[in-house]
Amino acid sequence: MLAAVAHAQNPNDPLSCLELREVPTPVAPEGWTRVKVKASSLNMHDVWTLRGVGHDPKNIPIILGCDVAGVTDDGREVVIYPVIADPDAGNGDETLDPNRALLSERHDGGFAEYIVVPDRCVIPKPEQLSFEEAACLPVAWSTAYRMLFTQGQLKAGDRVLVQGAGGGVASAAIALAAAAGATVYATSRTADKRALALELGAHAAFESGTRLPERVDLVIETVGEATWGHSLRCLRPGGAIVIAGTTSGTSPEADLGRIFYQQLRILGSTGSTRHEMVAMLRMLASTGLRPRIDRVLPLERIHEGFAAMMAGETNGKIVITIA
């Protein structure tokens, strides 16, 4: 079968390490399911793998692609839950399993004609969603759902600040929070990303660091150092920051005095549980909310898609379809 394989790692020229090649078609062992891939979307996680950031080189070569939708051998239309883990090892939460792995880290991903995954990772695709739409959701949208509704305990009427509106998780958080009845503020350094935030449902969008019209109950933080001080200042007493990324750095000034005096809560969040992903899919099916797709490309043009994503020339997800 044809697959997009990371065959090496290079921090300066990552796309030179991605090759379309013929590989053996996988056979599902007991307890696993084979899925014919219909669509798989690009993530920066794939680029970090190609750059050698956070990916053990002993797992190279590997097929990339951690967002996948397709059809099982027995004809079921499905979306793949991308975390391969044991819930029991995480006290019932597979995201807390110390040995968890995202699809394409230790197990071949979805940029291929077929993929095999543990049975529990196969989730029925809502009929309201296309394969292309479903393939945008497992990583970023499930992460945003957990940040908002599990860790952040968001409810209708709450006020939310989403930092760094151009990112995949941040964009999903804006749309999900607005659909849930929250007042959403967003920040970005660029005017086009602020305009995108408004299109996604934000009530107002500001330049990074701008004083908000009011303090918020919850901050969704994926930027880190560059926005941390602003995030703390924007919270009401007793409010919470949920952090799931640090694209600008990991070591900001903590401002512990503000944290204890204002009784602020700082919560880490990684990925989602299978249950949370199912709930997110149901929310999209019932509300009509859909991910924004920038373009759809065949597998043979995957390098073109990655080049556009890395250059910031996108307005939504890039989806790869498999013939």
C-alpha atoms as a PDB file:
ATOM      1  CA  MET A   1       0.000   0.000   0.000  1.00  0.00           C
ATOM      2  CA  LEU A   2       1.067   3.636  -0.466  1.00  0.00           C
ATOM      3  CA  ALA A   3       2.023   5.553   2.694  1.00  0.00           C
ATOM      4  CA  ALA A   4       3.729   8.797   3.773  1.00  0.00           C
ATOM      5  CA  VAL A   5       6.671   7.663   5.888  1.00  0.00           C
ATOM      6  CA  ALA A   6       9.025   9.635   8.111  1.00  0.00           C
ATOM      7  CA  HIS A   7      12.269   7.852   7.171  1.00  0.00           C
ATOM      8  CA  ALA A   8      14.657  10.259   8.953  1.00  0.00           C
ATOM      9  CA  GLN A   9      14.672  13.425  11.083  1.00  0.00           C
ATOM     10  CA  ASN A  10      16.163  16.806  10.215  1.00  0.00           C
ATOM     11  CA  PRO A  11      15.499  19.995  12.226  1.00  0.00           C
ATOM     12  CA  ASN A  12      16.376  22.264   9.283  1.00  0.00           C
ATOM     13  CA  ASP A  13      14.754  20.433   6.358  1.00  0.00           C
ATOM     14  CA  PRO A  14      11.945  18.295   7.781  1.00  0.00           C
ATOM     15  CA  LEU A  15      10.110  17.681   4.504  1.00  0.00           C
ATOM     16  CA  SER A  16      13.181  16.002   3.034  1.00  0.00           C
ATOM     17  CA  CYS A  17      12.555  13.271   5.619  1.00  0.00           C
ATOM     18  CA  LEU A  18       9.022  12.511   4.386  1.00  0.00           C
ATOM     19  CA  GLU A  19       8.728   9.946   1.614  1.00  0.00           C
ATOM     20  CA  LEU A  20       5.816   8.405  -0.250  1.00  0.00           C
ATOM     21  CA  ARG A  21       6.595   4.724  -0.540  1.00  0.00           C
ATOM     22  CA  GLU A  22       5.003   1.323  -0.879  1.00  0.00           C
ATOM     23  CA  VAL A  23       4.815  -0.568   2.434  1.00  0.00           C
ATOM     24  CA  PRO A  24       3.180  -3.859   3.413  1.00  0.00           C
ATOM     25  CA  THR A  25      -0.564  -3.686   4.029  1.00  0.00           C
ATOM     26  CA  PRO A  26      -1.083  -4.227   7.778  1.00  0.00           C
ATOM     27  CA  VAL A  27      -2.910  -7.193   9.278  1.00  0.00           C
ATOM     28  CA  ALA A  28      -4.874  -6.602  12.465  1.00  0.00           C
ATOM     29  CA  PRO A  29      -3.762  -8.791  15.384  1.00  0.00           C
ATOM     30  CA  GLU A  30      -6.276 -10.044  17.934  1.00  0.00           C
ATOM     31  CA  GLY A  31      -7.896  -7.137  19.760  1.00  0.00           C
ATOM     32  CA  TRP A  32      -7.117  -4.697  16.949  1.00  0.00           C
ATOM     33  CA  THR A  33      -9.181  -3.441  13.996  1.00  0.00           C
ATOM     34  CA  ARG A  34      -8.099  -2.631  10.450  1.00  0.00           C
ATOM     35  CA  VAL A  35      -9.508   0.555   8.912  1.00  0.00           C
ATOM     36  CA  LYS A  36      -9.406   1.624   5.272  1.00  0.00           C
ATOM     37  CA  VAL A  37      -8.420   5.285   5.547  1.00  0.00           C
ATOM     38  CA  LYS A  38     -10.700   7.780   3.816  1.00  0.00           C
ATOM     39  CA  ALA A  39      -9.202  11.001   5.205  1.00  0.00           C
ATOM     40  CA  SER A  40      -6.430  12.130   7.541  1.00  0.00           C
ATOM     41  CA  SER A  41      -5.486  15.721   8.410  1.00  0.00           C
ATOM     42  CA  LEU A  42      -2.140  17.426   8.928  1.00  0.00           C
ATOM     43  CA  ASN A  43      -0.886  18.452  12.375  1.00  0.00           C
ATOM     44  CA  MET A  44       2.206  20.270  13.572  1.00  0.00           C
ATOM     45  CA  HIS A  45       2.868  17.096  15.562  1.00  0.00           C
ATOM     46  CA  ASP A  46       3.865  15.496  12.238  1.00  0.00           C
ATOM     47  CA  VAL A  47       6.359  18.296  11.613  1.00  0.00           C
ATOM     48  CA  TRP A  48       7.864  17.925  15.098  1.00  0.00           C
ATOM     49  CA  THR A  49       8.364  14.227  14.347  1.00  0.00           C
ATOM     50  CA  LEU A  50      10.180  15.082  11.112  1.00  0.00           C
ATOM     51  CA  ARG A  51      12.299  17.666  12.946  1.00  0.00           C
ATOM     52  CA  GLY A  52      13.187  15.174  15.679  1.00  0.00           C
ATOM     53  CA  VAL A  53      11.446  17.127  18.459  1.00  0.00           C
ATOM     54  CA  GLY A  54       9.813  14.928  21.110  1.00  0.00           C
ATOM     55  CA  HIS A  55      10.005  11.796  18.973  1.00  0.00           C
ATOM     56  CA  ASP A  56      12.404   8.971  19.788  1.00  0.00           C
ATOM     57  CA  PRO A  57      14.564   8.306  16.715  1.00  0.00           C
ATOM     58  CA  LYS A  58      14.403   4.576  17.440  1.00  0.00           C
ATOM     59  CA  ASN A  59      10.769   4.740  16.226  1.00  0.00           C
ATOM     60  CA  ILE A  60      11.845   5.925  12.782  1.00  0.00           C
ATOM     61  CA  PRO A  61      10.768   4.987  10.118  1.00  0.00           C
ATOM     62  CA  ILE A  62       7.075   5.421  10.909  1.00  0.00           C
ATOM     63  CA  ILE A  63       3.925   6.341   9.002  1.00  0.00           C
ATOM     64  CA  LEU A  64       2.733   9.801  10.043  1.00  0.00           C
ATOM     65  CA  GLY A  65      -0.839  11.026  10.578  1.00  0.00           C
ATOM     66  CA  CYS A  66      -2.653  11.152  13.931  1.00  0.00           C
ATOM     67  CA  ASP A  67      -6.120  12.343  12.783  1.00  0.00           C
ATOM     68  CA  VAL A  68      -7.937   9.574  10.902  1.00  0.00           C
ATOM     69  CA  ALA A  69     -11.409   8.655   9.613  1.00  0.00           C
ATOM     70  CA  GLY A  70     -12.304   5.643   7.496  1.00  0.00           C
ATOM     71  CA  VAL A  71     -14.181   2.375   7.077  1.00  0.00           C
ATOM     72  CA  THR A  72     -13.517  -0.891   8.917  1.00  0.00           C
ATOM     73  CA  ASP A  73     -13.177  -4.203   7.064  1.00  0.00           C
ATOM     74  CA  ASP A  74     -16.770  -5.014   8.080  1.00  0.00           C
ATOM     75  CA  GLY A  75     -18.117  -1.743   6.652  1.00  0.00           C
ATOM     76  CA  ARG A  76     -18.464   0.565   9.685  1.00  0.00           C
ATOM     77  CA  GLU A  77     -17.762   4.281   9.168  1.00  0.00           C
ATOM     78  CA  VAL A  78     -15.460   5.317  12.017  1.00  0.00           C
ATOM     79  CA  VAL A  79     -13.211   7.970  13.528  1.00  0.00           C
ATOM     80  CA  ILE A  80     -10.005   6.891  15.263  1.00  0.00           C
ATOM     81  CA  TYR A  81      -9.412   7.871  18.894  1.00  0.00           C
ATOM     82  CA  PRO A  82      -5.699   8.767  18.641  1.00  0.00           C
ATOM     83  CA  VAL A  83      -4.399   7.930  22.135  1.00  0.00           C
ATOM     84  CA  ILE A  84      -3.133   4.375  22.508  1.00  0.00           C
ATOM     85  CA  ALA A  85      -3.132   3.773  26.240  1.00  0.00           C
ATOM     86  CA  ASP A  86      -4.512   1.753  29.140  1.00  0.00           C
ATOM     87  CA  PRO A  87      -7.180   3.567  31.214  1.00  0.00           C
ATOM     88  CA  ASP A  88      -6.460   1.293  34.186  1.00  0.00           C
ATOM     89  CA  ALA A  89      -2.861   2.533  34.225  1.00  0.00           C
ATOM     90  CA  GLY A  90      -4.175   6.085  34.625  1.00  0.00           C
ATOM     91  CA  ASN A  91      -6.726   5.355  37.369  1.00  0.00           C
ATOM     92  CA  GLY A  92      -9.498   5.309  34.778  1.00  0.00           C
ATOM     93  CA  ASP A  93      -8.122   8.148  32.637  1.00  0.00           C
ATOM     94  CA  GLU A  94      -5.989   6.967  29.730  1.00  0.00           C
ATOM     95  CA  THR A  95      -4.381  10.403  29.363  1.00  0.00           C
ATOM     96  CA  LEU A  96      -2.698   9.730  32.726  1.00  0.00           C
ATOM     97  CA  ASP A  97      -1.181   6.404  31.617  1.00  0.00           C
ATOM     98  CA  PRO A  98       2.603   7.005  31.867  1.00  0.00           C
ATOM     99  CA  ASN A  99       3.079   4.771  28.820  1.00  0.00           C
ATOM    100  CA  ARG A 100       0.475   6.453  26.599  1.00  0.00           C
ATOM    101  CA  ALA A 101       1.343   7.275  23.002  1.00  0.00           C
ATOM    102  CA  LEU A 102      -0.313   9.390  20.352  1.00  0.00           C
ATOM    103  CA  LEU A 103      -0.915   7.660  17.047  1.00  0.00           C
ATOM    104  CA  SER A 104       2.218   7.953  14.849  1.00  0.00           C
ATOM    105  CA  GLU A 105       4.564   8.125  17.868  1.00  0.00           C
ATOM    106  CA  ARG A 106       5.054   4.380  18.385  1.00  0.00           C
ATOM    107  CA  HIS A 107       2.341   3.011  16.078  1.00  0.00           C
ATOM    108  CA  ASP A 108       1.899   3.750  12.370  1.00  0.00           C
ATOM    109  CA  GLY A 109      -0.471   6.609  11.607  1.00  0.00           C
ATOM    110  CA  GLY A 110      -3.095   7.425   9.019  1.00  0.00           C
ATOM    111  CA  PHE A 111      -1.280   8.763   5.955  1.00  0.00           C
ATOM    112  CA  ALA A 112      -1.737   5.385   4.293  1.00  0.00           C
ATOM    113  CA  GLU A 113      -4.356   3.260   2.593  1.00  0.00           C
ATOM    114  CA  TYR A 114      -4.908   1.176   5.755  1.00  0.00           C
ATOM    115  CA  ILE A 115      -4.256   1.490   9.471  1.00  0.00           C
ATOM    116  CA  VAL A 116      -4.627  -0.917  12.390  1.00  0.00           C
ATOM    117  CA  VAL A 117      -5.554   0.305  15.888  1.00  0.00           C
ATOM    118  CA  PRO A 118      -6.762  -1.235  19.153  1.00  0.00           C
ATOM    119  CA  ASP A 119     -10.483  -2.040  19.085  1.00  0.00           C
ATOM    120  CA  ARG A 120     -11.244   0.612  21.745  1.00  0.00           C
ATOM    121  CA  CYS A 121      -9.785   3.323  19.494  1.00  0.00           C
ATOM    122  CA  VAL A 122     -12.528   2.782  16.891  1.00  0.00           C
ATOM    123  CA  ILE A 123     -15.450   5.204  17.362  1.00  0.00           C
ATOM    124  CA  PRO A 124     -18.568   5.333  15.147  1.00  0.00           C
ATOM    125  CA  LYS A 125     -18.505   8.378  12.878  1.00  0.00           C
ATOM    126  CA  PRO A 126     -21.620  10.534  13.256  1.00  0.00           C
ATOM    127  CA  GLU A 127     -23.531  10.372   9.991  1.00  0.00           C
ATOM    128  CA  GLN A 128     -23.834  14.169  10.022  1.00  0.00           C
ATOM    129  CA  LEU A 129     -20.057  14.513   9.543  1.00  0.00           C
ATOM    130  CA  SER A 130     -18.178  13.858   6.313  1.00  0.00           C
ATOM    131  CA  PHE A 131     -14.973  11.826   6.417  1.00  0.00           C
ATOM    132  CA  GLU A 132     -13.023  15.013   5.715  1.00  0.00           C
ATOM    133  CA  GLU A 133     -14.686  16.841   8.621  1.00  0.00           C
ATOM    134  CA  ALA A 134     -14.284  13.901  10.985  1.00  0.00           C
ATOM    135  CA  ALA A 135     -10.578  13.666  10.157  1.00  0.00           C
ATOM    136  CA  CYS A 136     -10.029  17.200  11.523  1.00  0.00           C
ATOM    137  CA  LEU A 137     -11.283  16.423  15.016  1.00  0.00           C
ATOM    138  CA  PRO A 138      -9.476  13.736  17.058  1.00  0.00           C
ATOM    139  CA  VAL A 139      -6.390  15.664  18.206  1.00  0.00           C
ATOM    140  CA  ALA A 140      -7.107  19.416  18.351  1.00  0.00           C
ATOM    141  CA  TRP A 141     -10.865  19.379  18.934  1.00  0.00           C
ATOM    142  CA  SER A 142     -10.778  16.662  21.580  1.00  0.00           C
ATOM    143  CA  THR A 143      -7.935  18.482  23.344  1.00  0.00           C
ATOM    144  CA  ALA A 144      -9.953  21.713  23.327  1.00  0.00           C
ATOM    145  CA  TYR A 145     -13.064  19.904  24.574  1.00  0.00           C
ATOM    146  CA  ARG A 146     -11.211  18.471  27.588  1.00  0.00           C
ATOM    147  CA  MET A 147      -9.645  21.858  28.373  1.00  0.00           C
ATOM    148  CA  LEU A 148     -12.998  23.632  28.342  1.00  0.00           C
ATOM    149  CA  PHE A 149     -15.482  21.194  29.801  1.00  0.00           C
ATOM    150  CA  THR A 150     -13.505  18.719  31.933  1.00  0.00           C
ATOM    151  CA  GLN A 151     -10.597  20.735  33.285  1.00  0.00           C
ATOM    152  CA  GLY A 152     -12.172  24.199  32.967  1.00  0.00           C
ATOM    153  CA  GLN A 153     -15.717  23.166  33.973  1.00  0.00           C
ATOM    154  CA  LEU A 154     -17.117  25.659  31.460  1.00  0.00           C
ATOM    155  CA  LYS A 155     -20.832  26.433  31.617  1.00  0.00           C
ATOM    156  CA  ALA A 156     -23.162  28.682  29.636  1.00  0.00           C
ATOM    157  CA  GLY A 157     -22.674  32.344  30.509  1.00  0.00           C
ATOM    158  CA  ASP A 158     -19.037  31.978  31.535  1.00  0.00           C
ATOM    159  CA  ARG A 159     -16.428  34.367  30.144  1.00  0.00           C
ATOM    160  CA  VAL A 160     -13.474  32.774  28.383  1.00  0.00           C
ATOM    161  CA  LEU A 161     -10.200  34.135  27.018  1.00  0.00           C
ATOM    162  CA  VAL A 162      -8.496  32.080  24.317  1.00  0.00           C
ATOM    163  CA  GLN A 163      -4.871  33.083  23.750  1.00  0.00           C
ATOM    164  CA  GLY A 164      -3.200  32.660  20.358  1.00  0.00           C
ATOM    165  CA  ALA A 165      -6.306  32.380  18.204  1.00  0.00           C
ATOM    166  CA  GLY A 166      -4.504  31.037  15.126  1.00  0.00           C
ATOM    167  CA  GLY A 167      -3.547  27.668  16.610  1.00  0.00           C
ATOM    168  CA  GLY A 168      -5.526  24.484  15.978  1.00  0.00           C
ATOM    169  CA  VAL A 169      -6.487  23.849  19.608  1.00  0.00           C
ATOM    170  CA  ALA A 170      -7.212  27.540  20.213  1.00  0.00           C
ATOM    171  CA  SER A 171      -9.439  27.778  17.123  1.00  0.00           C
ATOM    172  CA  ALA A 172     -11.385  24.713  18.207  1.00  0.00           C
ATOM    173  CA  ALA A 173     -11.739  26.123  21.730  1.00  0.00           C
ATOM    174  CA  ILE A 174     -13.229  29.365  20.392  1.00  0.00           C
ATOM    175  CA  ALA A 175     -15.835  27.509  18.350  1.00  0.00           C
ATOM    176  CA  LEU A 176     -16.711  25.020  21.109  1.00  0.00           C
ATOM    177  CA  ALA A 177     -16.959  27.651  23.851  1.00  0.00           C
ATOM    178  CA  ALA A 178     -19.159  29.906  21.725  1.00  0.00           C
ATOM    179  CA  ALA A 179     -21.428  26.986  20.843  1.00  0.00           C
ATOM    180  CA  ALA A 180     -21.755  26.213  24.577  1.00  0.00           C
ATOM    181  CA  GLY A 181     -23.060  29.700  25.335  1.00  0.00           C
ATOM    182  CA  ALA A 182     -19.917  31.320  26.727  1.00  0.00           C
ATOM    183  CA  THR A 183     -18.746  34.867  26.070  1.00  0.00           C
ATOM    184  CA  VAL A 184     -15.479  34.346  24.205  1.00  0.00           C
ATOM    185  CA  TYR A 185     -12.587  36.787  23.908  1.00  0.00           C
ATOM    186  CA  ALA A 186      -9.582  35.908  21.745  1.00  0.00           C
ATOM    187  CA  THR A 187      -6.128  37.333  21.160  1.00  0.00           C
ATOM    188  CA  SER A 188      -3.654  37.140  18.301  1.00  0.00           C
ATOM    189  CA  ARG A 189      -0.699  39.142  17.037  1.00  0.00           C
ATOM    190  CA  THR A 190      -2.109  39.273  13.496  1.00  0.00           C
ATOM    191  CA  ALA A 191      -5.218  40.942  12.111  1.00  0.00           C
ATOM    192  CA  ASP A 192      -6.176  37.986   9.908  1.00  0.00           C
ATOM    193  CA  LYS A 193      -6.159  35.592  12.851  1.00  0.00           C
ATOM    194  CA  ARG A 194      -8.258  38.023  14.888  1.00  0.00           C
ATOM    195  CA  ALA A 195     -10.731  38.150  12.005  1.00  0.00           C
ATOM    196  CA  LEU A 196     -10.756  34.344  11.926  1.00  0.00           C
ATOM    197  CA  ALA A 197     -11.525  34.271  15.666  1.00  0.00           C
ATOM    198  CA  LEU A 198     -14.577  36.438  15.087  1.00  0.00           C
ATOM    199  CA  GLU A 199     -15.726  34.148  12.266  1.00  0.00           C
ATOM    200  CA  LEU A 200     -15.359  31.164  14.601  1.00  0.00           C
ATOM    201  CA  GLY A 201     -17.654  32.730  17.188  1.00  0.00           C
ATOM    202  CA  ALA A 202     -15.522  34.982  19.398  1.00  0.00           C
ATOM    203  CA  HIS A 203     -17.450  37.996  20.711  1.00  0.00           C
ATOM    204  CA  ALA A 204     -14.345  40.184  20.420  1.00  0.00           C
ATOM    205  CA  ALA A 205     -10.727  39.751  19.343  1.00  0.00           C
ATOM    206  CA  PHE A 206      -7.746  41.804  20.516  1.00  0.00           C
ATOM    207  CA  GLU A 207      -4.041  42.187  19.923  1.00  0.00           C
ATOM    208  CA  SER A 208      -1.967  40.084  22.297  1.00  0.00           C
ATOM    209  CA  GLY A 209      -1.628  41.745  25.704  1.00  0.00           C
ATOM    210  CA  THR A 210      -4.608  44.087  25.319  1.00  0.00           C
ATOM    211  CA  ARG A 211      -6.702  44.847  28.400  1.00  0.00           C
ATOM    212  CA  LEU A 212     -10.073  43.075  28.130  1.00  0.00           C
ATOM    213  CA  PRO A 213     -13.470  44.718  28.739  1.00  0.00           C
ATOM    214  CA  GLU A 214     -13.921  42.500  31.812  1.00  0.00           C
ATOM    215  CA  ARG A 215     -12.145  39.778  33.736  1.00  0.00           C
ATOM    216  CA  VAL A 216     -12.804  36.212  32.695  1.00  0.00           C
ATOM    217  CA  ASP A 217     -13.655  32.974  34.458  1.00  0.00           C
ATOM    218  CA  LEU A 218     -11.381  30.816  32.331  1.00  0.00           C
ATOM    219  CA  VAL A 219      -8.284  31.213  30.144  1.00  0.00           C
ATOM    220  CA  ILE A 220      -7.375  28.676  27.473  1.00  0.00           C
ATOM    221  CA  GLU A 221      -3.593  28.846  27.215  1.00  0.00           C
ATOM    222  CA  THR A 222      -1.463  27.148  24.546  1.00  0.00           C
ATOM    223  CA  VAL A 223       1.121  29.906  23.987  1.00  0.00           C
ATOM    224  CA  GLY A 224       3.052  29.902  27.268  1.00  0.00           C
ATOM    225  CA  GLU A 225       5.722  32.468  28.123  1.00  0.00           C
ATOM    226  CA  ALA A 226       4.606  35.238  25.773  1.00  0.00           C
ATOM    227  CA  THR A 227       1.021  35.401  27.096  1.00  0.00           C
ATOM    228  CA  TRP A 228       1.324  34.027  30.643  1.00  0.00           C
ATOM    229  CA  GLY A 229       1.387  37.359  32.475  1.00  0.00           C
ATOM    230  CA  HIS A 230      -1.586  38.612  30.484  1.00  0.00           C
ATOM    231  CA  SER A 231      -3.505  35.408  31.201  1.00  0.00           C
ATOM    232  CA  LEU A 232      -3.014  35.852  34.950  1.00  0.00           C
ATOM    233  CA  ARG A 233      -4.039  39.520  34.878  1.00  0.00           C
ATOM    234  CA  CYS A 234      -7.229  38.747  32.917  1.00  0.00           C
ATOM    235  CA  LEU A 235      -8.614  36.242  35.439  1.00  0.00           C
ATOM    236  CA  ARG A 236     -11.241  37.093  38.021  1.00  0.00           C
ATOM    237  CA  PRO A 237     -10.467  36.033  41.618  1.00  0.00           C
ATOM    238  CA  GLY A 238     -10.902  32.274  41.786  1.00  0.00           C
ATOM    239  CA  GLY A 239     -10.639  31.874  38.014  1.00  0.00           C
ATOM    240  CA  ALA A 240      -8.673  29.188  36.205  1.00  0.00           C
ATOM    241  CA  ILE A 241      -6.055  28.866  33.497  1.00  0.00           C
ATOM    242  CA  VAL A 242      -6.035  25.577  31.599  1.00  0.00           C
ATOM    243  CA  ILE A 243      -2.753  25.061  29.762  1.00  0.00           C
ATOM    244  CA  ALA A 244      -2.102  22.474  27.060  1.00  0.00           C
ATOM    245  CA  GLY A 245       0.840  23.961  25.172  1.00  0.00           C
ATOM    246  CA  THR A 246       3.803  26.322  25.389  1.00  0.00           C
ATOM    247  CA  THR A 247       4.675  27.327  21.834  1.00  0.00           C
ATOM    248  CA  SER A 248       6.519  30.462  23.001  1.00  0.00           C
ATOM    249  CA  GLY A 249       8.440  28.880  25.883  1.00  0.00           C
ATOM    250  CA  THR A 250       7.984  26.985  29.136  1.00  0.00           C
ATOM    251  CA  SER A 251       9.415  29.248  31.851  1.00  0.00           C
ATOM    252  CA  PRO A 252       7.470  32.482  32.402  1.00  0.00           C
ATOM    253  CA  GLU A 253       7.575  34.503  35.608  1.00  0.00           C
ATOM    254  CA  ALA A 254       5.137  32.628  37.837  1.00  0.00           C
ATOM    255  CA  ASP A 255       3.726  35.656  39.748  1.00  0.00           C
ATOM    256  CA  LEU A 256       2.966  33.445  42.750  1.00  0.00           C
ATOM    257  CA  GLY A 257       1.738  36.369  44.807  1.00  0.00           C
ATOM    258  CA  ARG A 258      -1.109  37.033  42.403  1.00  0.00           C
ATOM    259  CA  ILE A 259      -1.907  33.323  42.204  1.00  0.00           C
ATOM    260  CA  PHE A 260      -2.310  32.764  45.931  1.00  0.00           C
ATOM    261  CA  TYR A 261      -3.873  36.152  46.761  1.00  0.00           C
ATOM    262  CA  GLN A 262      -6.444  35.907  43.946  1.00  0.00           C
ATOM    263  CA  GLN A 263      -6.843  32.144  44.601  1.00  0.00           C
ATOM    264  CA  LEU A 264      -6.254  31.352  40.941  1.00  0.00           C
ATOM    265  CA  ARG A 265      -6.200  27.792  39.663  1.00  0.00           C
ATOM    266  CA  ILE A 266      -3.598  26.515  37.181  1.00  0.00           C
ATOM    267  CA  LEU A 267      -4.592  23.260  35.471  1.00  0.00           C
ATOM    268  CA  GLY A 268      -2.593  21.179  33.009  1.00  0.00           C
ATOM    269  CA  SER A 269      -4.367  19.270  30.247  1.00  0.00           C
ATOM    270  CA  THR A 270      -3.173  16.768  27.659  1.00  0.00           C
ATOM    271  CA  GLY A 271      -5.244  15.195  24.890  1.00  0.00           C
ATOM    272  CA  SER A 272      -8.577  13.668  25.830  1.00  0.00           C
ATOM    273  CA  THR A 273     -10.136  10.464  27.015  1.00  0.00           C
ATOM    274  CA  ARG A 274     -12.127   8.287  24.634  1.00  0.00           C
ATOM    275  CA  HIS A 275     -15.298   9.298  26.475  1.00  0.00           C
ATOM    276  CA  GLU A 276     -14.506  13.002  25.963  1.00  0.00           C
ATOM    277  CA  MET A 277     -13.914  12.466  22.252  1.00  0.00           C
ATOM    278  CA  VAL A 278     -17.280  10.712  21.918  1.00  0.00           C
ATOM    279  CA  ALA A 279     -18.951  13.615  23.740  1.00  0.00           C
ATOM    280  CA  MET A 280     -17.232  16.127  21.446  1.00  0.00           C
ATOM    281  CA  LEU A 281     -18.450  14.271  18.346  1.00  0.00           C
ATOM    282  CA  ARG A 282     -21.992  14.246  19.710  1.00  0.00           C
ATOM    283  CA  MET A 283     -21.795  17.972  20.371  1.00  0.00           C
ATOM    284  CA  LEU A 284     -20.823  18.678  16.764  1.00  0.00           C
ATOM    285  CA  ALA A 285     -23.503  16.338  15.429  1.00  0.00           C
ATOM    286  CA  SER A 286     -26.240  18.028  17.475  1.00  0.00           C
ATOM    287  CA  THR A 287     -25.178  21.675  17.161  1.00  0.00           C
ATOM    288  CA  GLY A 288     -24.159  21.773  13.501  1.00  0.00           C
ATOM    289  CA  LEU A 289     -20.714  23.058  14.490  1.00  0.00           C
ATOM    290  CA  ARG A 290     -18.061  22.015  11.962  1.00  0.00           C
ATOM    291  CA  PRO A 291     -14.290  22.322  11.662  1.00  0.00           C
ATOM    292  CA  ARG A 292     -12.945  24.781   9.107  1.00  0.00           C
ATOM    293  CA  ILE A 293     -11.191  23.053   6.196  1.00  0.00           C
ATOM    294  CA  ASP A 294      -8.622  25.049   4.222  1.00  0.00           C
ATOM    295  CA  ARG A 295      -8.065  22.525   1.442  1.00  0.00           C
ATOM    296  CA  VAL A 296      -8.344  18.843   0.573  1.00  0.00           C
ATOM    297  CA  LEU A 297      -5.415  17.157  -1.175  1.00  0.00           C
ATOM    298  CA  PRO A 298      -4.684  13.609  -2.339  1.00  0.00           C
ATOM    299  CA  LEU A 299      -1.963  11.662  -0.542  1.00  0.00           C
ATOM    300  CA  GLU A 300       0.355  12.180  -3.510  1.00  0.00           C
ATOM    301  CA  ARG A 301       0.389  15.957  -2.767  1.00  0.00           C
ATOM    302  CA  ILE A 302       1.074  15.707   0.973  1.00  0.00           C
ATOM    303  CA  HIS A 303       4.394  17.575   0.700  1.00  0.00           C
ATOM    304  CA  GLU A 304       2.508  20.535  -0.794  1.00  0.00           C
ATOM    305  CA  GLY A 305       0.123  20.503   2.151  1.00  0.00           C
ATOM    306  CA  PHE A 306       2.886  20.450   4.732  1.00  0.00           C
ATOM    307  CA  ALA A 307       4.730  23.281   2.987  1.00  0.00           C
ATOM    308  CA  ALA A 308       1.587  25.450   3.107  1.00  0.00           C
ATOM    309  CA  MET A 309       0.943  24.652   6.781  1.00  0.00           C
ATOM    310  CA  MET A 310       4.542  25.377   7.784  1.00  0.00           C
ATOM    311  CA  ALA A 311       4.448  28.690   5.899  1.00  0.00           C
ATOM    312  CA  GLY A 312       1.261  29.743   7.705  1.00  0.00           C
ATOM    313  CA  GLU A 313      -0.640  29.932   4.419  1.00  0.00           C
ATOM    314  CA  THR A 314      -3.771  28.226   5.748  1.00  0.00           C
ATOM    315  CA  ASN A 315      -7.159  29.208   7.053  1.00  0.00           C
ATOM    316  CA  GLY A 316      -8.251  25.936   8.615  1.00  0.00           C
ATOM    317  CA  LYS A 317      -7.183  22.308   8.453  1.00  0.00           C
ATOM    318  CA  ILE A 318      -5.474  20.638   5.500  1.00  0.00           C
ATOM    319  CA  VAL A 319      -7.056  17.243   4.838  1.00  0.00           C
ATOM    320  CA  ILE A 320      -5.426  14.379   2.954  1.00  0.00           C
ATOM    321  CA  THR A 321      -7.743  11.953   1.183  1.00  0.00           C
ATOM    322  CA  ILE A 322      -6.760   8.413   0.281  1.00  0.00           C
ATOM    323  CA  ALA A 323      -7.919   6.988  -3.048  1.00  0.00           C
END
